[in-house]
Amino acid sequence: MNLEPMLALGKGLYAWATPDQQSVLKLQMFEALWPNLMDYEGSSDFHCTLVYCKDAGAAVPEAVEAVVDAGVPTSNCAATPAVWIDHKGRGLAVMLLDNPDLSAVNSRLVAAGVPHSYSPFSAHITLGKIEGDHAKVEAFLQDVWGDQTINLDPQLKYALCL
């Protein structure tokens, strides 16, 4: 199938990586142990956003080629639970992923002309909204998670913003 005509319609690009099956199970078990975790839109579909840009214009085809060629690290990514406060003032539980290859993928996509809408780039997986004392929840999360790691599926996923 020739994707060129469809790619030409794209105004922006969203690219992401997903944890492998074993890591999804780890994250699901982790969520089940945490009583203060509330569902967050999309948290049942764990992913690490690598670039999100609503308007990249003519850069989309080249960026899609960069996504297809890129691939992601499948080796263990160091993972650290943290609590972030989002733009609406909600506490969000995230799993920070420490692997320089993820930043390199983001940089390749940005170099292809697709600026990341949320700068600076910080590789993470959103787990859910939280209630209660954020500092206590974060300490609890770090204690329960310990030094486990996350593996990523090597195939990047992407969608066009039309």
N, C-alpha and C. Protein backbone atom coordinates (compact mmCIF):
# COMPACT_ATOMS: atom_id res chain seq x y z
N MET A 1 0.84 -1.18 0.00
CA MET A 1 0.00 0.00 0.00
C MET A 1 0.89 1.25 0.00
N ASN A 2 0.62 2.16 -0.89
CA ASN A 2 1.36 3.41 -0.97
C ASN A 2 0.79 4.39 0.06
N LEU A 3 1.59 4.75 1.06
CA LEU A 3 1.13 5.64 2.12
C LEU A 3 1.31 7.12 1.78
N GLU A 4 2.07 7.42 0.74
CA GLU A 4 2.38 8.81 0.44
C GLU A 4 1.15 9.73 0.36
N PRO A 5 0.07 9.35 -0.36
CA PRO A 5 -1.09 10.25 -0.41
C PRO A 5 -1.71 10.49 0.97
N MET A 6 -1.72 9.46 1.80
CA MET A 6 -2.28 9.63 3.15
C MET A 6 -1.37 10.49 4.00
N LEU A 7 -0.06 10.27 3.90
CA LEU A 7 0.87 11.05 4.69
C LEU A 7 0.79 12.53 4.34
N ALA A 8 0.52 12.82 3.07
CA ALA A 8 0.41 14.21 2.64
C ALA A 8 -0.77 14.91 3.30
N LEU A 9 -1.77 14.15 3.74
CA LEU A 9 -2.94 14.74 4.42
C LEU A 9 -2.66 15.08 5.87
N GLY A 10 -1.62 14.46 6.43
CA GLY A 10 -1.33 14.65 7.84
C GLY A 10 -0.81 16.03 8.15
N LYS A 11 -1.37 16.66 9.17
CA LYS A 11 -0.89 17.96 9.62
C LYS A 11 0.13 17.80 10.74
N GLY A 12 -0.03 16.75 11.53
CA GLY A 12 0.85 16.54 12.67
C GLY A 12 1.13 15.06 12.87
N LEU A 13 1.85 14.77 13.92
CA LEU A 13 2.28 13.40 14.15
C LEU A 13 2.31 13.10 15.64
N TYR A 14 1.88 11.90 15.97
CA TYR A 14 1.95 11.37 17.32
C TYR A 14 2.66 10.03 17.22
N ALA A 15 3.79 9.88 17.90
CA ALA A 15 4.54 8.62 17.87
C ALA A 15 4.79 8.16 19.29
N TRP A 16 4.70 6.83 19.49
CA TRP A 16 4.86 6.31 20.84
C TRP A 16 5.46 4.91 20.81
N ALA A 17 5.92 4.49 21.97
CA ALA A 17 6.42 3.13 22.18
C ALA A 17 5.58 2.50 23.28
N THR A 18 5.42 1.19 23.21
CA THR A 18 4.64 0.50 24.23
C THR A 18 5.52 -0.50 24.97
N PRO A 19 5.20 -0.74 26.24
CA PRO A 19 5.94 -1.76 26.97
C PRO A 19 5.67 -3.14 26.38
N ASP A 20 6.63 -4.06 26.54
CA ASP A 20 6.38 -5.42 26.10
C ASP A 20 5.37 -6.07 27.05
N GLN A 21 4.91 -7.27 26.72
CA GLN A 21 3.84 -7.90 27.49
C GLN A 21 4.21 -8.12 28.95
N GLN A 22 5.43 -8.56 29.21
CA GLN A 22 5.85 -8.78 30.59
C GLN A 22 5.81 -7.47 31.39
N SER A 23 6.24 -6.38 30.77
CA SER A 23 6.24 -5.09 31.45
C SER A 23 4.83 -4.57 31.67
N VAL A 24 3.92 -4.83 30.73
CA VAL A 24 2.51 -4.46 30.92
C VAL A 24 1.97 -5.17 32.16
N LEU A 25 2.27 -6.45 32.29
CA LEU A 25 1.80 -7.19 33.46
C LEU A 25 2.39 -6.63 34.75
N LYS A 26 3.66 -6.25 34.74
CA LYS A 26 4.28 -5.61 35.91
C LYS A 26 3.53 -4.34 36.29
N LEU A 27 3.25 -3.51 35.28
CA LEU A 27 2.57 -2.24 35.54
C LEU A 27 1.14 -2.47 36.05
N GLN A 28 0.46 -3.46 35.49
CA GLN A 28 -0.90 -3.75 35.95
C GLN A 28 -0.89 -4.25 37.40
N MET A 29 0.05 -5.10 37.74
CA MET A 29 0.14 -5.58 39.12
C MET A 29 0.48 -4.43 40.06
N PHE A 30 1.36 -3.55 39.61
CA PHE A 30 1.75 -2.38 40.39
C PHE A 30 0.53 -1.50 40.66
N GLU A 31 -0.26 -1.25 39.63
CA GLU A 31 -1.48 -0.45 39.80
C GLU A 31 -2.45 -1.11 40.78
N ALA A 32 -2.58 -2.44 40.70
CA ALA A 32 -3.51 -3.16 41.56
C ALA A 32 -3.12 -3.05 43.04
N LEU A 33 -1.84 -2.88 43.32
CA LEU A 33 -1.37 -2.77 44.70
C LEU A 33 -1.54 -1.37 45.27
N TRP A 34 -1.95 -0.43 44.43
CA TRP A 34 -1.96 0.95 44.84
C TRP A 34 -3.39 1.46 44.96
N PRO A 35 -3.90 1.55 46.17
CA PRO A 35 -5.31 1.91 46.35
C PRO A 35 -5.66 3.35 45.98
N ASN A 36 -4.70 4.24 45.93
CA ASN A 36 -5.01 5.64 45.62
C ASN A 36 -4.94 5.96 44.14
N LEU A 37 -4.66 4.95 43.32
CA LEU A 37 -4.58 5.18 41.89
C LEU A 37 -5.97 5.20 41.30
N MET A 38 -6.29 6.28 40.63
CA MET A 38 -7.57 6.38 39.94
C MET A 38 -7.31 6.26 38.46
N ASP A 39 -8.31 5.81 37.73
CA ASP A 39 -8.16 5.66 36.30
C ASP A 39 -7.86 7.01 35.65
N TYR A 40 -7.03 6.98 34.68
CA TYR A 40 -6.67 8.16 33.90
C TYR A 40 -6.95 7.84 32.45
N GLU A 41 -7.45 8.78 31.71
CA GLU A 41 -7.75 8.54 30.30
C GLU A 41 -6.55 7.92 29.59
N GLY A 42 -6.74 6.71 29.12
CA GLY A 42 -5.66 6.05 28.39
C GLY A 42 -4.73 5.21 29.24
N SER A 43 -4.90 5.21 30.56
CA SER A 43 -3.93 4.48 31.39
C SER A 43 -4.01 2.98 31.20
N SER A 44 -5.11 2.47 30.64
CA SER A 44 -5.18 1.03 30.38
C SER A 44 -4.37 0.66 29.15
N ASP A 45 -3.93 1.64 28.41
CA ASP A 45 -3.10 1.43 27.23
C ASP A 45 -1.75 2.09 27.49
N PHE A 46 -0.90 1.42 28.26
CA PHE A 46 0.38 2.00 28.65
C PHE A 46 1.21 2.35 27.43
N HIS A 47 1.80 3.53 27.44
CA HIS A 47 2.64 3.95 26.33
C HIS A 47 3.60 5.05 26.77
N CYS A 48 4.65 5.23 26.01
CA CYS A 48 5.60 6.31 26.22
C CYS A 48 5.57 7.17 24.96
N THR A 49 5.03 8.38 25.09
CA THR A 49 4.97 9.29 23.94
C THR A 49 6.39 9.73 23.59
N LEU A 50 6.73 9.59 22.30
CA LEU A 50 8.05 10.00 21.84
C LEU A 50 8.02 11.34 21.13
N VAL A 51 6.91 11.66 20.50
CA VAL A 51 6.70 12.99 19.95
C VAL A 51 5.21 13.19 19.75
N TYR A 52 4.76 14.41 20.01
CA TYR A 52 3.37 14.78 19.75
C TYR A 52 3.39 16.20 19.22
N CYS A 53 2.86 16.36 18.02
CA CYS A 53 2.84 17.67 17.38
C CYS A 53 1.58 17.75 16.54
N LYS A 54 0.71 18.71 16.85
CA LYS A 54 -0.55 18.84 16.11
C LYS A 54 -0.34 19.41 14.71
N ASP A 55 0.75 20.16 14.51
CA ASP A 55 0.93 20.82 13.21
C ASP A 55 2.39 20.79 12.79
N ALA A 56 2.75 19.78 12.01
CA ALA A 56 4.11 19.67 11.49
C ALA A 56 4.14 19.93 9.99
N GLY A 57 2.97 20.01 9.38
CA GLY A 57 2.88 20.33 7.96
C GLY A 57 3.65 19.38 7.06
N ALA A 58 4.47 19.94 6.20
CA ALA A 58 5.19 19.18 5.18
C ALA A 58 6.20 18.21 5.76
N ALA A 59 6.54 18.36 7.03
CA ALA A 59 7.55 17.49 7.64
C ALA A 59 7.02 16.09 7.96
N VAL A 60 5.71 15.89 7.90
CA VAL A 60 5.13 14.62 8.33
C VAL A 60 5.69 13.41 7.58
N PRO A 61 5.74 13.39 6.23
CA PRO A 61 6.27 12.19 5.57
C PRO A 61 7.69 11.84 5.98
N GLU A 62 8.56 12.84 6.09
CA GLU A 62 9.94 12.58 6.50
C GLU A 62 9.99 12.08 7.94
N ALA A 63 9.14 12.64 8.79
CA ALA A 63 9.11 12.21 10.19
C ALA A 63 8.59 10.78 10.31
N VAL A 64 7.59 10.42 9.50
CA VAL A 64 7.08 9.05 9.53
C VAL A 64 8.20 8.09 9.11
N GLU A 65 8.98 8.47 8.11
CA GLU A 65 10.11 7.63 7.71
C GLU A 65 11.09 7.49 8.87
N ALA A 66 11.33 8.58 9.61
CA ALA A 66 12.22 8.53 10.77
C ALA A 66 11.65 7.61 11.85
N VAL A 67 10.32 7.61 12.02
CA VAL A 67 9.68 6.73 12.99
C VAL A 67 9.85 5.28 12.58
N VAL A 68 9.56 4.99 11.33
CA VAL A 68 9.64 3.62 10.84
C VAL A 68 11.07 3.10 10.95
N ASP A 69 12.05 3.94 10.65
CA ASP A 69 13.44 3.53 10.70
C ASP A 69 14.00 3.46 12.12
N ALA A 70 13.37 4.18 13.04
CA ALA A 70 13.96 4.39 14.36
C ALA A 70 14.02 3.13 15.22
N GLY A 71 12.93 2.54 15.56
CA GLY A 71 12.98 1.46 16.53
C GLY A 71 13.33 2.01 17.90
N VAL A 72 13.07 1.24 18.91
CA VAL A 72 13.33 1.69 20.28
C VAL A 72 14.15 0.64 21.01
N PRO A 73 14.77 1.03 22.12
CA PRO A 73 15.55 0.07 22.87
C PRO A 73 14.63 -0.98 23.50
N THR A 74 14.99 -2.22 23.40
CA THR A 74 14.18 -3.27 24.02
C THR A 74 14.79 -3.72 25.33
N SER A 75 16.01 -3.28 25.58
CA SER A 75 16.66 -3.66 26.82
C SER A 75 15.98 -2.94 27.99
N ASN A 76 16.35 -3.34 29.17
CA ASN A 76 15.74 -2.77 30.36
C ASN A 76 15.90 -1.25 30.40
N CYS A 77 14.80 -0.57 30.63
CA CYS A 77 14.82 0.86 30.90
C CYS A 77 14.67 1.00 32.42
N ALA A 78 15.58 1.69 33.04
CA ALA A 78 15.40 1.96 34.46
C ALA A 78 14.09 2.73 34.61
N ALA A 79 13.30 2.37 35.60
CA ALA A 79 11.98 2.98 35.78
C ALA A 79 11.82 3.44 37.21
N THR A 80 11.40 4.70 37.37
CA THR A 80 11.22 5.28 38.69
C THR A 80 9.84 5.90 38.80
N PRO A 81 9.02 5.45 39.76
CA PRO A 81 7.71 6.08 39.94
C PRO A 81 7.88 7.50 40.46
N ALA A 82 7.00 8.38 40.01
CA ALA A 82 7.03 9.77 40.45
C ALA A 82 5.61 10.32 40.39
N VAL A 83 5.41 11.46 41.03
CA VAL A 83 4.13 12.16 40.97
C VAL A 83 4.38 13.52 40.32
N TRP A 84 3.63 13.81 39.28
CA TRP A 84 3.68 15.11 38.61
C TRP A 84 2.36 15.81 38.83
N ILE A 85 2.40 17.12 38.78
CA ILE A 85 1.17 17.92 38.81
C ILE A 85 0.94 18.40 37.38
N ASP A 86 -0.22 18.07 36.82
CA ASP A 86 -0.48 18.45 35.43
C ASP A 86 -0.99 19.88 35.32
N HIS A 87 -1.28 20.31 34.10
CA HIS A 87 -1.70 21.69 33.83
C HIS A 87 -3.06 22.01 34.45
N LYS A 88 -3.80 20.99 34.89
CA LYS A 88 -5.09 21.22 35.56
C LYS A 88 -4.96 21.10 37.07
N GLY A 89 -3.75 20.95 37.57
CA GLY A 89 -3.52 20.86 39.00
C GLY A 89 -3.76 19.47 39.59
N ARG A 90 -3.95 18.46 38.73
CA ARG A 90 -4.16 17.09 39.21
C ARG A 90 -2.82 16.41 39.47
N GLY A 91 -2.80 15.55 40.47
CA GLY A 91 -1.63 14.73 40.70
C GLY A 91 -1.68 13.53 39.77
N LEU A 92 -0.60 13.28 39.06
CA LEU A 92 -0.53 12.15 38.14
C LEU A 92 0.63 11.24 38.54
N ALA A 93 0.35 9.96 38.61
CA ALA A 93 1.42 8.98 38.83
C ALA A 93 2.03 8.65 37.48
N VAL A 94 3.34 8.75 37.40
CA VAL A 94 4.05 8.42 36.17
C VAL A 94 5.21 7.49 36.49
N MET A 95 5.63 6.76 35.49
CA MET A 95 6.82 5.93 35.59
C MET A 95 7.86 6.57 34.68
N LEU A 96 8.87 7.20 35.29
CA LEU A 96 9.93 7.83 34.51
C LEU A 96 10.84 6.74 33.94
N LEU A 97 11.14 6.85 32.65
CA LEU A 97 11.99 5.86 31.98
C LEU A 97 13.34 6.49 31.68
N ASP A 98 14.38 5.88 32.19
CA ASP A 98 15.73 6.41 32.01
C ASP A 98 16.46 5.55 30.99
N ASN A 99 16.46 6.00 29.76
CA ASN A 99 17.19 5.33 28.70
C ASN A 99 17.51 6.38 27.63
N PRO A 100 18.78 6.69 27.42
CA PRO A 100 19.13 7.75 26.47
C PRO A 100 18.65 7.49 25.05
N ASP A 101 18.40 6.23 24.70
CA ASP A 101 17.91 5.92 23.36
C ASP A 101 16.54 6.52 23.11
N LEU A 102 15.72 6.63 24.16
CA LEU A 102 14.38 7.23 23.99
C LEU A 102 14.51 8.71 23.63
N SER A 103 15.41 9.41 24.31
CA SER A 103 15.65 10.82 23.98
C SER A 103 16.21 10.96 22.57
N ALA A 104 17.04 10.00 22.16
CA ALA A 104 17.61 10.04 20.81
C ALA A 104 16.52 9.87 19.76
N VAL A 105 15.55 8.99 20.01
CA VAL A 105 14.43 8.84 19.07
C VAL A 105 13.66 10.15 18.98
N ASN A 106 13.37 10.77 20.13
CA ASN A 106 12.68 12.05 20.14
C ASN A 106 13.48 13.08 19.34
N SER A 107 14.77 13.13 19.54
CA SER A 107 15.62 14.10 18.83
C SER A 107 15.60 13.87 17.33
N ARG A 108 15.59 12.60 16.89
CA ARG A 108 15.52 12.31 15.45
C ARG A 108 14.21 12.81 14.86
N LEU A 109 13.13 12.62 15.60
CA LEU A 109 11.83 13.08 15.10
C LEU A 109 11.77 14.60 15.05
N VAL A 110 12.31 15.25 16.06
CA VAL A 110 12.35 16.72 16.07
C VAL A 110 13.22 17.22 14.92
N ALA A 111 14.35 16.54 14.70
CA ALA A 111 15.25 16.93 13.59
C ALA A 111 14.57 16.75 12.24
N ALA A 112 13.61 15.81 12.16
CA ALA A 112 12.87 15.59 10.91
C ALA A 112 11.79 16.66 10.71
N GLY A 113 11.65 17.57 11.68
CA GLY A 113 10.72 18.68 11.50
C GLY A 113 9.44 18.61 12.31
N VAL A 114 9.39 17.72 13.29
CA VAL A 114 8.18 17.59 14.12
C VAL A 114 8.53 18.00 15.56
N PRO A 115 8.28 19.25 15.91
CA PRO A 115 8.61 19.69 17.27
C PRO A 115 7.69 19.03 18.31
N HIS A 116 8.27 18.63 19.41
CA HIS A 116 7.48 18.01 20.49
C HIS A 116 6.68 19.11 21.19
N SER A 117 5.39 18.89 21.37
CA SER A 117 4.52 19.91 21.95
C SER A 117 4.79 20.18 23.42
N TYR A 118 5.40 19.22 24.09
CA TYR A 118 5.67 19.38 25.51
C TYR A 118 7.17 19.31 25.73
N SER A 119 7.75 20.48 25.92
CA SER A 119 9.19 20.56 26.05
C SER A 119 9.55 20.90 27.49
N PRO A 120 10.61 20.39 28.03
CA PRO A 120 11.53 19.45 27.41
C PRO A 120 10.95 18.02 27.42
N PHE A 121 11.48 17.18 26.55
CA PHE A 121 11.04 15.80 26.47
C PHE A 121 11.44 15.05 27.74
N SER A 122 10.52 14.29 28.28
CA SER A 122 10.79 13.46 29.46
C SER A 122 10.10 12.11 29.25
N ALA A 123 10.87 11.07 28.99
CA ALA A 123 10.31 9.75 28.72
C ALA A 123 9.60 9.22 29.97
N HIS A 124 8.31 8.89 29.81
CA HIS A 124 7.54 8.40 30.94
C HIS A 124 6.31 7.64 30.46
N ILE A 125 5.73 6.88 31.35
CA ILE A 125 4.45 6.22 31.13
C ILE A 125 3.50 6.74 32.19
N THR A 126 2.38 7.31 31.79
CA THR A 126 1.39 7.79 32.76
C THR A 126 0.60 6.59 33.29
N LEU A 127 0.51 6.51 34.60
CA LEU A 127 -0.20 5.41 35.24
C LEU A 127 -1.61 5.80 35.64
N GLY A 128 -1.80 7.02 36.15
CA GLY A 128 -3.14 7.43 36.55
C GLY A 128 -3.14 8.66 37.42
N LYS A 129 -4.33 9.16 37.69
CA LYS A 129 -4.52 10.28 38.62
C LYS A 129 -4.42 9.74 40.03
N ILE A 130 -4.01 10.60 40.95
CA ILE A 130 -3.92 10.16 42.33
C ILE A 130 -4.73 11.06 43.24
N GLU A 131 -5.05 10.52 44.38
CA GLU A 131 -5.69 11.27 45.45
C GLU A 131 -4.78 11.19 46.66
N GLY A 132 -4.93 12.13 47.56
CA GLY A 132 -4.18 12.07 48.80
C GLY A 132 -2.89 12.86 48.74
N ASP A 133 -2.09 12.69 49.76
CA ASP A 133 -0.82 13.37 49.92
C ASP A 133 0.16 12.89 48.85
N HIS A 134 0.50 13.78 47.94
CA HIS A 134 1.34 13.40 46.80
C HIS A 134 2.69 12.86 47.24
N ALA A 135 3.32 13.48 48.23
CA ALA A 135 4.65 13.04 48.67
C ALA A 135 4.57 11.64 49.28
N LYS A 136 3.53 11.37 50.07
CA LYS A 136 3.38 10.04 50.67
C LYS A 136 3.12 9.00 49.60
N VAL A 137 2.29 9.35 48.63
CA VAL A 137 1.99 8.41 47.55
C VAL A 137 3.25 8.11 46.76
N GLU A 138 4.03 9.14 46.44
CA GLU A 138 5.27 8.94 45.69
C GLU A 138 6.24 8.04 46.46
N ALA A 139 6.39 8.26 47.76
CA ALA A 139 7.28 7.43 48.58
C ALA A 139 6.79 5.98 48.59
N PHE A 140 5.48 5.81 48.71
CA PHE A 140 4.90 4.46 48.71
C PHE A 140 5.18 3.77 47.38
N LEU A 141 4.96 4.49 46.29
CA LEU A 141 5.20 3.93 44.96
C LEU A 141 6.63 3.48 44.78
N GLN A 142 7.55 4.31 45.19
CA GLN A 142 8.97 3.99 45.02
C GLN A 142 9.36 2.79 45.87
N ASP A 143 8.77 2.70 47.06
CA ASP A 143 9.06 1.56 47.94
C ASP A 143 8.53 0.26 47.33
N VAL A 144 7.32 0.28 46.81
CA VAL A 144 6.70 -0.92 46.24
C VAL A 144 7.40 -1.33 44.95
N TRP A 145 7.72 -0.37 44.08
CA TRP A 145 8.31 -0.68 42.78
C TRP A 145 9.74 -1.18 42.92
N GLY A 146 10.50 -0.58 43.82
CA GLY A 146 11.90 -0.97 43.99
C GLY A 146 12.73 -0.64 42.77
N ASP A 147 13.54 -1.60 42.31
CA ASP A 147 14.42 -1.34 41.18
C ASP A 147 14.03 -2.14 39.94
N GLN A 148 12.73 -2.39 39.79
CA GLN A 148 12.27 -3.10 38.60
C GLN A 148 12.51 -2.26 37.35
N THR A 149 12.48 -2.91 36.22
CA THR A 149 12.72 -2.22 34.95
C THR A 149 11.53 -2.43 34.02
N ILE A 150 11.53 -1.67 32.93
CA ILE A 150 10.51 -1.77 31.89
C ILE A 150 11.22 -2.09 30.57
N ASN A 151 10.69 -3.04 29.83
CA ASN A 151 11.18 -3.32 28.48
C ASN A 151 10.16 -2.77 27.49
N LEU A 152 10.64 -2.25 26.39
CA LEU A 152 9.75 -1.68 25.38
C LEU A 152 9.72 -2.55 24.13
N ASP A 153 8.57 -2.59 23.50
CA ASP A 153 8.41 -3.25 22.21
C ASP A 153 9.26 -2.47 21.21
N PRO A 154 10.09 -3.14 20.40
CA PRO A 154 10.99 -2.41 19.50
C PRO A 154 10.27 -1.70 18.35
N GLN A 155 9.02 -2.02 18.09
CA GLN A 155 8.30 -1.40 16.97
C GLN A 155 7.59 -0.14 17.44
N LEU A 156 7.98 1.00 16.90
CA LEU A 156 7.30 2.25 17.21
C LEU A 156 5.92 2.28 16.57
N LYS A 157 5.00 2.97 17.21
CA LYS A 157 3.66 3.17 16.66
C LYS A 157 3.51 4.65 16.34
N TYR A 158 2.66 4.95 15.37
CA TYR A 158 2.42 6.36 15.07
C TYR A 158 1.02 6.55 14.49
N ALA A 159 0.54 7.75 14.63
CA ALA A 159 -0.74 8.14 14.05
C ALA A 159 -0.59 9.57 13.54
N LEU A 160 -1.34 9.88 12.50
CA LEU A 160 -1.33 11.23 11.95
C LEU A 160 -2.35 12.09 12.67
N CYS A 161 -2.05 13.34 12.84
CA CYS A 161 -3.03 14.32 13.33
C CYS A 161 -3.60 15.00 12.08
N LEU A 162 -4.86 14.75 11.81
CA LEU A 162 -5.46 15.29 10.59
C LEU A 162 -6.18 16.59 10.83
